[in-house]
Amino acid sequence: MLMQDMLEEAGCRVAATVGTLEEALELARSRTFDLAFIDLNLRGIPAWPLADLLQTRGIPFAFVTGYGSAGTATTHADVPVLQKPFTSQNLMTILARLRSRQPPAGR
């Protein structure tokens, strides 16, 4: 919830917060959103299928993890990593990177 509060304070509208891979995949398939933050470990299940789906859909995303970039797959080596614990400034830096990867409006 801390992350959601930080994002809302930065003027973002948080579309959803989920705790399981199944919920995340369902939302990623059925909703439209600008970007995403993915915890690599969703209740003990690796979130790689979600990362693959977002990549296929062209939705910018970042990983959130306590394991650092060493825990990311080679296929997602260019994805920003928000290292836990993080500060508001860390989050804003990654948010700016994700926003710069969004397609132009109207596409």
Protein backbone atom coordinates (compact mmCIF):
# COMPACT_ATOMS: atom_id res chain seq x y z
CA MET A 1 0.00 0.00 0.00
CA LEU A 2 2.95 2.32 0.56
CA MET A 3 3.82 2.13 -3.13
CA GLN A 4 0.24 2.91 -4.11
CA ASP A 5 0.25 5.96 -1.81
CA MET A 6 3.53 7.18 -3.28
CA LEU A 7 2.23 6.79 -6.84
CA GLU A 8 -1.01 8.59 -6.05
CA GLU A 9 0.92 11.43 -4.40
CA ALA A 10 2.87 11.72 -7.68
CA GLY A 11 -0.40 12.20 -9.56
CA CYS A 12 -0.79 8.65 -10.85
CA ARG A 13 -4.08 6.81 -10.90
CA VAL A 14 -3.51 3.25 -9.70
CA ALA A 15 -5.73 1.01 -11.82
CA ALA A 16 -5.32 -2.12 -9.71
CA THR A 17 -3.31 -3.80 -7.02
CA VAL A 18 -3.34 -7.59 -6.95
CA GLY A 19 -1.56 -10.26 -4.95
CA THR A 20 -1.64 -13.36 -7.12
CA LEU A 21 -0.29 -14.22 -10.53
CA GLU A 22 -3.72 -15.39 -11.70
CA GLU A 23 -5.34 -12.06 -10.81
CA ALA A 24 -2.52 -10.12 -12.42
CA LEU A 25 -2.70 -12.13 -15.65
CA GLU A 26 -6.47 -11.69 -15.87
CA LEU A 27 -6.20 -7.92 -15.46
CA ALA A 28 -3.28 -7.70 -17.87
CA ARG A 29 -5.33 -9.52 -20.51
CA SER A 30 -8.57 -7.60 -20.01
CA ARG A 31 -7.65 -4.02 -19.10
CA THR A 32 -5.89 -1.10 -20.69
CA PHE A 33 -3.27 0.72 -18.62
CA ASP A 34 -0.14 2.78 -19.22
CA LEU A 35 2.50 0.94 -17.22
CA ALA A 36 2.98 -1.62 -14.47
CA PHE A 37 5.13 -2.52 -11.50
CA ILE A 38 5.56 -6.27 -11.04
CA ASP A 39 6.76 -7.92 -7.88
CA LEU A 40 8.87 -10.84 -9.08
CA ASN A 41 7.51 -13.08 -6.35
CA LEU A 42 3.71 -13.18 -6.12
CA ARG A 43 2.98 -15.34 -3.09
CA GLY A 44 5.85 -17.64 -3.88
CA ILE A 45 5.15 -17.85 -7.63
CA PRO A 46 7.55 -16.22 -10.12
CA ALA A 47 5.84 -13.52 -12.21
CA TRP A 48 7.59 -14.30 -15.52
CA PRO A 49 4.33 -15.08 -17.39
CA LEU A 50 3.02 -11.64 -16.46
CA ALA A 51 6.23 -9.96 -17.64
CA ASP A 52 6.01 -11.88 -20.93
CA LEU A 53 2.38 -10.84 -21.42
CA LEU A 54 3.08 -7.16 -20.74
CA GLN A 55 6.06 -7.25 -23.07
CA THR A 56 3.91 -8.78 -25.82
CA ARG A 57 1.26 -6.09 -25.28
CA GLY A 58 3.90 -3.33 -25.40
CA ILE A 59 3.11 -2.10 -21.90
CA PRO A 60 6.17 -0.67 -20.11
CA PHE A 61 6.85 -2.28 -16.73
CA ALA A 62 9.42 -2.49 -13.97
CA PHE A 63 10.24 -5.30 -11.59
CA VAL A 64 9.99 -4.73 -7.85
CA THR A 65 12.18 -7.11 -5.90
CA GLY A 66 14.39 -7.58 -2.92
CA TYR A 67 16.72 -9.76 -4.99
CA GLY A 68 18.17 -7.05 -7.25
CA SER A 69 18.65 -7.32 -11.00
CA ALA A 70 20.38 -10.70 -10.57
CA GLY A 71 16.92 -12.21 -10.15
CA THR A 72 15.67 -11.04 -13.57
CA ALA A 73 15.58 -13.26 -16.64
CA THR A 74 17.82 -12.61 -19.61
CA THR A 75 14.77 -11.99 -21.77
CA HIS A 76 13.93 -9.04 -19.52
CA ALA A 77 17.44 -7.74 -18.89
CA ASP A 78 16.49 -4.23 -20.09
CA VAL A 79 13.55 -3.93 -17.68
CA PRO A 80 14.11 -1.42 -14.85
CA VAL A 81 14.37 -2.90 -11.36
CA LEU A 82 13.06 -1.14 -8.27
CA GLN A 83 15.07 -2.61 -5.42
CA LYS A 84 13.28 -3.20 -2.10
CA PRO A 85 13.35 -1.41 0.24
CA PHE A 86 12.95 1.70 -1.88
CA THR A 87 12.46 5.40 -1.32
CA SER A 88 9.98 7.72 -2.95
CA GLN A 89 12.85 9.11 -5.04
CA ASN A 90 13.79 5.60 -6.27
CA LEU A 91 10.18 5.03 -7.29
CA MET A 92 9.92 8.39 -9.08
CA THR A 93 13.13 7.65 -11.03
CA ILE A 94 11.76 4.33 -12.28
CA LEU A 95 8.35 5.90 -12.98
CA ALA A 96 10.01 8.53 -15.18
CA ARG A 97 11.87 5.79 -17.10
CA LEU A 98 8.64 3.88 -17.68
CA ARG A 99 6.78 6.99 -18.82
CA SER A 100 9.51 7.68 -21.37
CA ARG A 101 8.92 4.20 -22.84
CA GLN A 102 5.18 4.73 -23.37
CA PRO A 103 3.99 4.99 -26.97
CA PRO A 104 2.81 8.44 -28.08
CA ALA A 105 -0.83 9.28 -27.32
CA GLY A 106 -3.28 8.08 -29.93
CA ARG A 107 -1.35 4.93 -30.82
